[in-house]
Amino acid sequence: MISLKVTNILQGLLQGQNIKSRQLWAYVAIAFNKVDHDRLKLVGPDRMCAEWVLKNGGAVSFVQAPGRLLQDYNALPTPSTRVQIKEIDATDSSIMKLGMEHLKSCKHIDRVILNRCKHLESDGLTGLTHIKDTLKHLQISSCYNIDDQGLLVLKELTQLKSLLMFDLTAVNDLEKVIEEIKPHLKECTISTKESI
């Protein structure tokens, strides 16, 4: 199903056009991040979100198997099996702001790792507000498009218990950001080193 969609997208992009490789992969990344509303109705928000994360190179765990991090799209349960995502590990994935809409209506995600997400734009962090009632643990690291302004949305994640941020080269003053968000994250331990 996905292979057919990708083939159709690629064929449409390449017909009569001389597209450079980088541009081509940018189109693929966008295609893999766009919410397919018809599929969402068919499989539900958690399955759709899991498909998004896995298609983009990340991993997920489910409430039904919390200790098992799934990285293989083909190992997902059948679409008729309802799952609930517990954790997202987006390390080295191609997720972007557009895809963060997949988090809507996911009610059990309590841990997210955004590590080396090179396509995630700074304003893409606003998508985390879709899971603000359940998100307890968040890591943002080596995401070089995330800046000071983008991090300020974290003050809306009032249920956070731990926040780990490091190697954010576009952030000019991480301590100032922490100073601004900390009063809103009363129960949260904020760390700026790989210690959690």
N, C-alpha and C. Protein backbone atom coordinates (compact mmCIF):
# COMPACT_ATOMS: atom_id res chain seq x y z
N MET A 1 0.83 -1.20 0.00
CA MET A 1 0.00 0.00 0.00
C MET A 1 0.87 1.25 0.00
N ILE A 2 1.82 1.32 0.93
CA ILE A 2 2.70 2.49 1.00
C ILE A 2 3.60 2.55 -0.21
N SER A 3 4.14 1.41 -0.64
CA SER A 3 5.02 1.38 -1.80
C SER A 3 4.31 1.93 -3.02
N LEU A 4 3.05 1.58 -3.18
CA LEU A 4 2.28 2.05 -4.31
C LEU A 4 2.09 3.56 -4.24
N LYS A 5 1.79 4.08 -3.05
CA LYS A 5 1.64 5.53 -2.87
C LYS A 5 2.94 6.25 -3.20
N VAL A 6 4.06 5.73 -2.68
CA VAL A 6 5.36 6.36 -2.92
C VAL A 6 5.68 6.33 -4.40
N THR A 7 5.43 5.19 -5.05
CA THR A 7 5.69 5.08 -6.49
C THR A 7 4.86 6.09 -7.25
N ASN A 8 3.58 6.22 -6.91
CA ASN A 8 2.73 7.20 -7.59
C ASN A 8 3.21 8.63 -7.38
N ILE A 9 3.62 8.93 -6.17
CA ILE A 9 4.13 10.27 -5.87
C ILE A 9 5.39 10.54 -6.68
N LEU A 10 6.31 9.59 -6.67
CA LEU A 10 7.57 9.76 -7.39
C LEU A 10 7.33 9.89 -8.89
N GLN A 11 6.45 9.07 -9.43
CA GLN A 11 6.16 9.15 -10.86
C GLN A 11 5.57 10.52 -11.20
N GLY A 12 4.68 10.99 -10.38
CA GLY A 12 4.08 12.31 -10.61
C GLY A 12 5.10 13.43 -10.54
N LEU A 13 6.04 13.29 -9.63
CA LEU A 13 7.06 14.32 -9.48
C LEU A 13 8.07 14.30 -10.62
N LEU A 14 8.36 13.12 -11.14
CA LEU A 14 9.43 12.99 -12.11
C LEU A 14 8.98 13.15 -13.56
N GLN A 15 7.69 13.08 -13.84
CA GLN A 15 7.21 13.17 -15.21
C GLN A 15 7.59 14.51 -15.83
N GLY A 16 8.46 14.44 -16.80
CA GLY A 16 8.83 15.63 -17.55
C GLY A 16 9.61 16.66 -16.77
N GLN A 17 10.11 16.32 -15.61
CA GLN A 17 10.83 17.29 -14.80
C GLN A 17 12.22 16.75 -14.48
N ASN A 18 13.15 17.65 -14.36
CA ASN A 18 14.50 17.28 -13.94
C ASN A 18 14.65 17.71 -12.49
N ILE A 19 14.34 16.78 -11.57
CA ILE A 19 14.36 17.11 -10.15
C ILE A 19 15.64 16.57 -9.53
N LYS A 20 16.30 17.41 -8.79
CA LYS A 20 17.52 16.99 -8.11
C LYS A 20 17.17 16.06 -6.95
N SER A 21 18.12 15.22 -6.59
CA SER A 21 17.91 14.22 -5.56
C SER A 21 17.43 14.84 -4.24
N ARG A 22 18.05 15.92 -3.81
CA ARG A 22 17.67 16.55 -2.54
C ARG A 22 16.23 17.02 -2.57
N GLN A 23 15.83 17.62 -3.71
CA GLN A 23 14.45 18.07 -3.83
C GLN A 23 13.48 16.89 -3.81
N LEU A 24 13.88 15.83 -4.47
CA LEU A 24 13.05 14.64 -4.51
C LEU A 24 12.79 14.11 -3.11
N TRP A 25 13.85 14.00 -2.30
CA TRP A 25 13.68 13.48 -0.95
C TRP A 25 12.92 14.44 -0.06
N ALA A 26 12.99 15.73 -0.35
CA ALA A 26 12.18 16.70 0.39
C ALA A 26 10.69 16.43 0.11
N TYR A 27 10.35 16.16 -1.14
CA TYR A 27 8.97 15.83 -1.49
C TYR A 27 8.53 14.54 -0.80
N VAL A 28 9.41 13.54 -0.77
CA VAL A 28 9.08 12.28 -0.11
C VAL A 28 8.84 12.51 1.38
N ALA A 29 9.72 13.31 2.00
CA ALA A 29 9.56 13.61 3.43
C ALA A 29 8.22 14.28 3.69
N ILE A 30 7.84 15.20 2.84
CA ILE A 30 6.55 15.88 3.00
C ILE A 30 5.41 14.87 2.83
N ALA A 31 5.52 14.02 1.83
CA ALA A 31 4.47 13.01 1.60
C ALA A 31 4.32 12.08 2.80
N PHE A 32 5.43 11.72 3.43
CA PHE A 32 5.38 10.82 4.59
C PHE A 32 4.93 11.53 5.86
N ASN A 33 4.86 12.85 5.84
CA ASN A 33 4.44 13.59 7.03
C ASN A 33 3.01 14.09 6.94
N LYS A 34 2.45 14.10 5.77
CA LYS A 34 1.09 14.61 5.59
C LYS A 34 0.06 13.64 6.17
N VAL A 35 -0.93 14.16 6.87
CA VAL A 35 -1.99 13.34 7.44
C VAL A 35 -2.93 12.89 6.33
N ASP A 36 -3.15 11.58 6.24
CA ASP A 36 -4.09 10.99 5.30
C ASP A 36 -5.41 10.81 6.06
N HIS A 37 -6.33 11.73 5.87
CA HIS A 37 -7.58 11.75 6.65
C HIS A 37 -8.46 10.53 6.39
N ASP A 38 -8.42 10.00 5.18
CA ASP A 38 -9.20 8.79 4.89
C ASP A 38 -8.64 7.61 5.69
N ARG A 39 -7.33 7.49 5.72
CA ARG A 39 -6.70 6.40 6.49
C ARG A 39 -6.94 6.59 7.98
N LEU A 40 -6.91 7.82 8.44
CA LEU A 40 -7.17 8.13 9.84
C LEU A 40 -8.56 7.61 10.26
N LYS A 41 -9.55 7.84 9.43
CA LYS A 41 -10.90 7.35 9.73
C LYS A 41 -10.94 5.83 9.77
N LEU A 42 -10.14 5.21 8.94
CA LEU A 42 -10.13 3.75 8.84
C LEU A 42 -9.43 3.08 10.03
N VAL A 43 -8.27 3.61 10.45
CA VAL A 43 -7.45 2.90 11.45
C VAL A 43 -7.38 3.58 12.81
N GLY A 44 -7.83 4.83 12.92
CA GLY A 44 -7.80 5.54 14.19
C GLY A 44 -6.51 6.30 14.41
N PRO A 45 -6.51 7.21 15.39
CA PRO A 45 -5.38 8.12 15.57
C PRO A 45 -4.08 7.46 16.04
N ASP A 46 -4.16 6.49 16.93
CA ASP A 46 -2.92 5.88 17.42
C ASP A 46 -2.22 5.06 16.35
N ARG A 47 -2.97 4.26 15.63
CA ARG A 47 -2.37 3.47 14.54
C ARG A 47 -1.80 4.40 13.47
N MET A 48 -2.53 5.45 13.15
CA MET A 48 -2.08 6.40 12.13
C MET A 48 -0.79 7.10 12.58
N CYS A 49 -0.74 7.47 13.85
CA CYS A 49 0.45 8.12 14.40
C CYS A 49 1.64 7.16 14.38
N ALA A 50 1.40 5.91 14.75
CA ALA A 50 2.48 4.91 14.72
C ALA A 50 3.00 4.73 13.30
N GLU A 51 2.10 4.66 12.34
CA GLU A 51 2.52 4.52 10.94
C GLU A 51 3.39 5.71 10.53
N TRP A 52 2.98 6.91 10.92
CA TRP A 52 3.73 8.12 10.60
C TRP A 52 5.15 8.05 11.16
N VAL A 53 5.26 7.74 12.44
CA VAL A 53 6.58 7.69 13.08
C VAL A 53 7.46 6.64 12.41
N LEU A 54 6.91 5.45 12.18
CA LEU A 54 7.70 4.37 11.60
C LEU A 54 8.08 4.65 10.14
N LYS A 55 7.17 5.21 9.36
CA LYS A 55 7.49 5.54 7.96
C LYS A 55 8.63 6.55 7.89
N ASN A 56 8.76 7.36 8.92
CA ASN A 56 9.78 8.40 8.92
C ASN A 56 11.05 7.97 9.65
N GLY A 57 11.16 6.71 10.02
CA GLY A 57 12.40 6.20 10.59
C GLY A 57 12.47 6.20 12.10
N GLY A 58 11.37 6.46 12.78
CA GLY A 58 11.35 6.47 14.24
C GLY A 58 10.90 5.13 14.80
N ALA A 59 10.58 5.14 16.08
CA ALA A 59 10.12 3.93 16.76
C ALA A 59 9.01 4.30 17.74
N VAL A 60 8.19 3.31 18.07
CA VAL A 60 7.09 3.52 19.02
C VAL A 60 6.97 2.32 19.95
N SER A 61 6.40 2.57 21.11
CA SER A 61 5.97 1.45 21.96
C SER A 61 4.50 1.70 22.27
N PHE A 62 3.82 0.60 22.60
CA PHE A 62 2.39 0.67 22.84
C PHE A 62 2.07 0.38 24.29
N VAL A 63 0.95 0.88 24.75
CA VAL A 63 0.46 0.60 26.10
C VAL A 63 0.35 -0.91 26.28
N GLN A 64 -0.04 -1.61 25.23
CA GLN A 64 -0.23 -3.05 25.29
C GLN A 64 1.09 -3.81 25.43
N ALA A 65 2.24 -3.19 25.09
CA ALA A 65 3.57 -3.82 25.21
C ALA A 65 4.59 -2.72 25.51
N PRO A 66 4.54 -2.13 26.69
CA PRO A 66 5.32 -0.93 26.99
C PRO A 66 6.84 -1.09 26.94
N GLY A 67 7.36 -2.26 27.15
CA GLY A 67 8.81 -2.44 27.13
C GLY A 67 9.37 -2.75 25.76
N ARG A 68 8.52 -2.86 24.76
CA ARG A 68 8.95 -3.27 23.42
C ARG A 68 8.89 -2.08 22.47
N LEU A 69 10.04 -1.61 22.02
CA LEU A 69 10.12 -0.50 21.07
C LEU A 69 10.08 -1.07 19.65
N LEU A 70 9.07 -0.71 18.91
CA LEU A 70 8.86 -1.22 17.56
C LEU A 70 9.46 -0.24 16.55
N GLN A 71 10.33 -0.75 15.66
CA GLN A 71 10.96 0.09 14.65
C GLN A 71 10.61 -0.31 13.23
N ASP A 72 9.99 -1.46 13.06
CA ASP A 72 9.70 -2.01 11.75
C ASP A 72 8.22 -1.81 11.41
N TYR A 73 7.97 -1.04 10.38
CA TYR A 73 6.59 -0.78 9.95
C TYR A 73 5.83 -2.08 9.69
N ASN A 74 6.52 -3.04 9.11
CA ASN A 74 5.86 -4.31 8.76
C ASN A 74 5.53 -5.16 9.98
N ALA A 75 6.06 -4.80 11.13
CA ALA A 75 5.76 -5.55 12.36
C ALA A 75 4.57 -4.97 13.12
N LEU A 76 3.96 -3.92 12.59
CA LEU A 76 2.77 -3.36 13.23
C LEU A 76 1.66 -4.41 13.26
N PRO A 77 0.85 -4.39 14.31
CA PRO A 77 -0.31 -5.30 14.31
C PRO A 77 -1.23 -4.96 13.14
N THR A 78 -2.11 -5.85 12.81
CA THR A 78 -3.04 -5.61 11.70
C THR A 78 -3.86 -4.35 11.99
N PRO A 79 -4.31 -3.66 10.94
CA PRO A 79 -5.09 -2.44 11.15
C PRO A 79 -6.35 -2.64 11.99
N SER A 80 -6.89 -3.84 12.00
CA SER A 80 -8.10 -4.08 12.80
C SER A 80 -7.79 -4.16 14.30
N THR A 81 -6.51 -4.35 14.65
CA THR A 81 -6.10 -4.40 16.05
C THR A 81 -5.86 -2.96 16.54
N ARG A 82 -6.67 -2.53 17.46
CA ARG A 82 -6.52 -1.16 17.99
C ARG A 82 -5.34 -1.12 18.96
N VAL A 83 -4.48 -0.15 18.77
CA VAL A 83 -3.31 0.02 19.63
C VAL A 83 -3.34 1.42 20.23
N GLN A 84 -2.60 1.60 21.32
CA GLN A 84 -2.47 2.91 21.96
C GLN A 84 -0.98 3.18 22.15
N ILE A 85 -0.51 4.26 21.56
CA ILE A 85 0.92 4.59 21.65
C ILE A 85 1.25 5.11 23.04
N LYS A 86 2.34 4.61 23.59
CA LYS A 86 2.85 5.05 24.88
C LYS A 86 4.08 5.93 24.71
N GLU A 87 4.96 5.57 23.78
CA GLU A 87 6.24 6.27 23.61
C GLU A 87 6.56 6.44 22.13
N ILE A 88 7.17 7.59 21.82
CA ILE A 88 7.69 7.85 20.48
C ILE A 88 9.17 8.17 20.63
N ASP A 89 9.99 7.44 19.87
CA ASP A 89 11.42 7.75 19.78
C ASP A 89 11.68 8.14 18.33
N ALA A 90 11.84 9.44 18.10
CA ALA A 90 12.01 9.95 16.75
C ALA A 90 13.48 10.19 16.40
N THR A 91 14.38 9.49 17.07
CA THR A 91 15.81 9.64 16.81
C THR A 91 16.11 9.37 15.33
N ASP A 92 16.80 10.32 14.71
CA ASP A 92 17.23 10.24 13.31
C ASP A 92 16.07 10.08 12.33
N SER A 93 14.90 10.49 12.73
CA SER A 93 13.74 10.35 11.84
C SER A 93 13.57 11.60 10.98
N SER A 94 12.66 11.51 10.03
CA SER A 94 12.37 12.62 9.12
C SER A 94 11.07 13.33 9.47
N ILE A 95 10.67 13.25 10.74
CA ILE A 95 9.43 13.93 11.11
C ILE A 95 9.60 15.44 10.96
N MET A 96 8.51 16.10 10.66
CA MET A 96 8.52 17.55 10.50
C MET A 96 7.23 18.14 11.07
N LYS A 97 7.17 19.46 11.10
CA LYS A 97 6.01 20.16 11.68
C LYS A 97 4.70 19.64 11.10
N LEU A 98 4.64 19.49 9.81
CA LEU A 98 3.43 19.02 9.14
C LEU A 98 2.92 17.70 9.74
N GLY A 99 3.84 16.82 10.11
CA GLY A 99 3.46 15.53 10.64
C GLY A 99 3.01 15.53 12.08
N MET A 100 3.34 16.59 12.82
CA MET A 100 2.98 16.64 14.24
C MET A 100 1.47 16.63 14.45
N GLU A 101 0.72 16.88 13.40
CA GLU A 101 -0.75 16.79 13.48
C GLU A 101 -1.20 15.36 13.75
N HIS A 102 -0.33 14.38 13.51
CA HIS A 102 -0.66 12.99 13.79
C HIS A 102 -0.85 12.75 15.29
N LEU A 103 -0.35 13.65 16.12
CA LEU A 103 -0.46 13.49 17.57
C LEU A 103 -1.88 13.77 18.08
N LYS A 104 -2.67 14.46 17.28
CA LYS A 104 -4.05 14.79 17.69
C LYS A 104 -4.81 13.52 18.03
N SER A 105 -5.52 13.57 19.11
CA SER A 105 -6.39 12.48 19.58
C SER A 105 -5.65 11.25 20.10
N CYS A 106 -4.32 11.32 20.23
CA CYS A 106 -3.58 10.24 20.90
C CYS A 106 -3.61 10.56 22.39
N LYS A 107 -4.16 9.66 23.18
CA LYS A 107 -4.46 9.93 24.59
C LYS A 107 -3.54 9.25 25.59
N HIS A 108 -2.49 8.53 25.12
CA HIS A 108 -1.66 7.76 26.04
C HIS A 108 -0.16 8.01 25.88
N ILE A 109 0.24 8.92 25.02
CA ILE A 109 1.67 9.16 24.79
C ILE A 109 2.24 9.90 25.98
N ASP A 110 3.17 9.26 26.69
CA ASP A 110 3.75 9.90 27.87
C ASP A 110 5.26 10.18 27.73
N ARG A 111 5.89 9.68 26.67
CA ARG A 111 7.33 9.91 26.47
C ARG A 111 7.59 10.16 24.99
N VAL A 112 8.35 11.24 24.72
CA VAL A 112 8.74 11.57 23.35
C VAL A 112 10.22 11.93 23.35
N ILE A 113 10.95 11.33 22.41
CA ILE A 113 12.36 11.66 22.21
C ILE A 113 12.50 12.25 20.81
N LEU A 114 12.92 13.50 20.76
CA LEU A 114 13.20 14.19 19.51
C LEU A 114 14.71 14.40 19.46
N ASN A 115 15.41 13.48 18.84
CA ASN A 115 16.86 13.50 18.80
C ASN A 115 17.33 13.42 17.35
N ARG A 116 18.12 14.38 16.93
CA ARG A 116 18.66 14.45 15.58
C ARG A 116 17.53 14.42 14.53
N CYS A 117 16.50 15.20 14.78
CA CYS A 117 15.38 15.34 13.83
C CYS A 117 15.69 16.53 12.92
N LYS A 118 16.41 16.27 11.84
CA LYS A 118 16.93 17.35 11.01
C LYS A 118 15.87 18.10 10.21
N HIS A 119 14.69 17.53 10.07
CA HIS A 119 13.63 18.20 9.32
C HIS A 119 12.61 18.90 10.23
N LEU A 120 12.77 18.77 11.52
CA LEU A 120 11.80 19.37 12.45
C LEU A 120 12.10 20.85 12.63
N GLU A 121 11.16 21.68 12.21
CA GLU A 121 11.31 23.12 12.32
C GLU A 121 10.98 23.56 13.75
N SER A 122 11.47 24.72 14.12
CA SER A 122 11.31 25.22 15.48
C SER A 122 9.85 25.34 15.88
N ASP A 123 9.01 25.85 14.98
CA ASP A 123 7.59 25.99 15.32
C ASP A 123 6.86 24.65 15.29
N GLY A 124 7.53 23.59 14.89
CA GLY A 124 6.94 22.26 14.90
C GLY A 124 6.68 21.73 16.30
N LEU A 125 7.38 22.29 17.29
CA LEU A 125 7.16 21.84 18.67
C LEU A 125 5.76 22.16 19.16
N THR A 126 5.07 23.08 18.50
CA THR A 126 3.69 23.38 18.91
C THR A 126 2.81 22.14 18.80
N GLY A 127 3.16 21.21 17.93
CA GLY A 127 2.40 19.97 17.79
C GLY A 127 2.38 19.14 19.07
N LEU A 128 3.36 19.34 19.93
CA LEU A 128 3.38 18.60 21.20
C LEU A 128 2.22 18.98 22.11
N THR A 129 1.62 20.14 21.87
CA THR A 129 0.49 20.55 22.70
C THR A 129 -0.72 19.62 22.50
N HIS A 130 -0.74 18.86 21.42
CA HIS A 130 -1.82 17.89 21.21
C HIS A 130 -1.79 16.79 22.28
N ILE A 131 -0.61 16.56 22.88
CA ILE A 131 -0.49 15.50 23.88
C ILE A 131 -0.08 16.08 25.24
N LYS A 132 -0.40 17.34 25.46
CA LYS A 132 0.02 18.02 26.69
C LYS A 132 -0.58 17.42 27.96
N ASP A 133 -1.71 16.76 27.85
CA ASP A 133 -2.35 16.19 29.05
C ASP A 133 -1.72 14.86 29.48
N THR A 134 -0.97 14.21 28.59
CA THR A 134 -0.39 12.91 28.92
C THR A 134 1.13 12.89 28.89
N LEU A 135 1.76 13.85 28.22
CA LEU A 135 3.21 13.85 28.05
C LEU A 135 3.91 14.13 29.38
N LYS A 136 4.72 13.16 29.82
CA LYS A 136 5.44 13.29 31.10
C LYS A 136 6.95 13.45 30.91
N HIS A 137 7.50 12.87 29.86
CA HIS A 137 8.95 12.87 29.66
C HIS A 137 9.26 13.30 28.23
N LEU A 138 10.13 14.30 28.09
CA LEU A 138 10.46 14.83 26.78
C LEU A 138 11.96 15.06 26.67
N GLN A 139 12.52 14.63 25.56
CA GLN A 139 13.92 14.92 25.25
C GLN A 139 13.95 15.63 23.90
N ILE A 140 14.66 16.76 23.86
CA ILE A 140 14.90 17.47 22.61
C ILE A 140 16.40 17.67 22.52
N SER A 141 17.03 17.03 21.55
CA SER A 141 18.49 17.09 21.45
C SER A 141 18.95 17.00 20.00
N SER A 142 19.99 17.74 19.71
CA SER A 142 20.63 17.72 18.38
C SER A 142 19.63 17.97 17.25
N CYS A 143 18.62 18.76 17.53
CA CYS A 143 17.66 19.21 16.51
C CYS A 143 18.07 20.63 16.15
N TYR A 144 18.78 20.77 15.07
CA TYR A 144 19.49 22.01 14.79
C TYR A 144 18.61 23.13 14.23
N ASN A 145 17.34 22.87 13.99
CA ASN A 145 16.43 23.93 13.55
C ASN A 145 15.59 24.49 14.69
N ILE A 146 15.75 23.93 15.88
CA ILE A 146 14.97 24.38 17.04
C ILE A 146 15.70 25.55 17.68
N ASP A 147 15.00 26.67 17.85
CA ASP A 147 15.63 27.85 18.44
C ASP A 147 14.92 28.24 19.75
N ASP A 148 15.39 29.33 20.34
CA ASP A 148 14.85 29.80 21.62
C ASP A 148 13.33 29.98 21.56
N GLN A 149 12.86 30.64 20.53
CA GLN A 149 11.43 30.91 20.39
C GLN A 149 10.62 29.61 20.30
N GLY A 150 11.13 28.65 19.57
CA GLY A 150 10.45 27.38 19.42
C GLY A 150 10.30 26.63 20.73
N LEU A 151 11.29 26.77 21.62
CA LEU A 151 11.25 26.07 22.91
C LEU A 151 10.24 26.67 23.88
N LEU A 152 9.84 27.91 23.66
CA LEU A 152 8.93 28.57 24.60
C LEU A 152 7.56 27.89 24.67
N VAL A 153 7.18 27.17 23.64
CA VAL A 153 5.90 26.45 23.66
C VAL A 153 5.90 25.36 24.74
N LEU A 154 7.08 24.97 25.19
CA LEU A 154 7.16 23.91 26.20
C LEU A 154 6.47 24.30 27.50
N LYS A 155 6.29 25.58 27.75
CA LYS A 155 5.61 25.98 28.98
C LYS A 155 4.15 25.54 29.00
N GLU A 156 3.62 25.16 27.86
CA GLU A 156 2.24 24.65 27.79
C GLU A 156 2.15 23.17 28.18
N LEU A 157 3.29 22.51 28.30
CA LEU A 157 3.31 21.08 28.62
C LEU A 157 3.40 20.90 30.13
N THR A 158 2.37 21.32 30.81
CA THR A 158 2.39 21.43 32.28
C THR A 158 2.41 20.10 33.02
N GLN A 159 2.20 18.99 32.34
CA GLN A 159 2.23 17.68 32.99
C GLN A 159 3.62 17.04 32.96
N LEU A 160 4.59 17.73 32.33
CA LEU A 160 5.94 17.17 32.23
C LEU A 160 6.54 16.91 33.61
N LYS A 161 7.20 15.76 33.72
CA LYS A 161 7.95 15.40 34.93
C LYS A 161 9.45 15.53 34.68
N SER A 162 9.88 15.29 33.42
CA SER A 162 11.29 15.44 33.08
C SER A 162 11.43 16.02 31.67
N LEU A 163 12.36 16.94 31.55
CA LEU A 163 12.66 17.58 30.27
C LEU A 163 14.17 17.60 30.12
N LEU A 164 14.66 16.99 29.06
CA LEU A 164 16.08 16.93 28.78
C LEU A 164 16.34 17.65 27.47
N MET A 165 17.21 18.66 27.50
CA MET A 165 17.54 19.42 26.29
C MET A 165 19.06 19.59 26.22
N PHE A 166 19.63 19.26 25.06
CA PHE A 166 21.06 19.49 24.87
C PHE A 166 21.40 19.50 23.38
N ASP A 167 22.56 20.06 23.08
CA ASP A 167 23.08 20.14 21.71
C ASP A 167 22.08 20.77 20.76
N LEU A 168 21.55 21.91 21.16
CA LEU A 168 20.61 22.67 20.34
C LEU A 168 21.34 23.91 19.83
N THR A 169 22.01 23.79 18.72
CA THR A 169 22.93 24.84 18.26
C THR A 169 22.22 26.12 17.81
N ALA A 170 20.96 26.07 17.47
CA ALA A 170 20.24 27.28 17.07
C ALA A 170 19.70 28.04 18.28
N VAL A 171 19.83 27.46 19.47
CA VAL A 171 19.38 28.13 20.69
C VAL A 171 20.51 29.03 21.18
N ASN A 172 20.19 30.31 21.33
CA ASN A 172 21.20 31.29 21.75
C ASN A 172 21.41 31.30 23.25
N ASP A 173 20.33 31.17 24.03
CA ASP A 173 20.45 31.26 25.48
C ASP A 173 19.50 30.26 26.15
N LEU A 174 19.97 29.03 26.29
CA LEU A 174 19.15 27.97 26.85
C LEU A 174 18.76 28.26 28.29
N GLU A 175 19.66 28.84 29.05
CA GLU A 175 19.36 29.16 30.45
C GLU A 175 18.21 30.16 30.55
N LYS A 176 18.19 31.13 29.65
CA LYS A 176 17.10 32.10 29.64
C LYS A 176 15.77 31.43 29.27
N VAL A 177 15.81 30.50 28.33
CA VAL A 177 14.61 29.75 27.95
C VAL A 177 14.10 28.97 29.17
N ILE A 178 15.02 28.30 29.86
CA ILE A 178 14.64 27.51 31.04
C ILE A 178 14.03 28.42 32.10
N GLU A 179 14.62 29.58 32.29
CA GLU A 179 14.10 30.56 33.25
C GLU A 179 12.66 30.94 32.93
N GLU A 180 12.37 31.05 31.65
CA GLU A 180 11.02 31.45 31.22
C GLU A 180 10.00 30.31 31.31
N ILE A 181 10.42 29.08 31.02
CA ILE A 181 9.44 27.99 31.01
C ILE A 181 9.28 27.32 32.38
N LYS A 182 10.29 27.38 33.22
CA LYS A 182 10.29 26.68 34.50
C LYS A 182 9.08 27.01 35.40
N PRO A 183 8.67 28.28 35.54
CA PRO A 183 7.51 28.58 36.39
C PRO A 183 6.22 27.87 35.96
N HIS A 184 6.14 27.47 34.70
CA HIS A 184 4.95 26.80 34.19
C HIS A 184 5.04 25.28 34.34
N LEU A 185 6.26 24.79 34.56
CA LEU A 185 6.51 23.35 34.67
C LEU A 185 6.88 23.02 36.10
N LYS A 186 5.94 23.20 36.99
CA LYS A 186 6.19 23.13 38.44
C LYS A 186 6.69 21.77 38.92
N GLU A 187 6.25 20.69 38.31
CA GLU A 187 6.63 19.33 38.74
C GLU A 187 7.74 18.74 37.88
N CYS A 188 8.36 19.55 37.04
CA CYS A 188 9.31 19.05 36.05
C CYS A 188 10.76 19.27 36.46
N THR A 189 11.57 18.24 36.28
CA THR A 189 13.01 18.36 36.43
C THR A 189 13.58 18.65 35.05
N ILE A 190 14.25 19.78 34.92
CA ILE A 190 14.82 20.18 33.63
C ILE A 190 16.32 19.94 33.68
N SER A 191 16.81 19.23 32.69
CA SER A 191 18.23 18.91 32.62
C SER A 191 18.76 19.32 31.24
N THR A 192 20.01 19.72 31.21
CA THR A 192 20.63 20.14 29.96
C THR A 192 21.81 19.26 29.58
N LYS A 193 21.91 18.11 30.18
CA LYS A 193 22.97 17.16 29.87
C LYS A 193 22.37 15.78 29.68
N GLU A 194 23.11 14.91 29.01
CA GLU A 194 22.65 13.54 28.79
C GLU A 194 22.74 12.76 30.09
N SER A 195 21.77 12.98 30.96
CA SER A 195 21.84 12.35 32.27
C SER A 195 20.59 11.56 32.65
N ILE A 196 19.53 11.70 31.89
CA ILE A 196 18.28 11.01 32.26
C ILE A 196 18.26 9.63 31.61
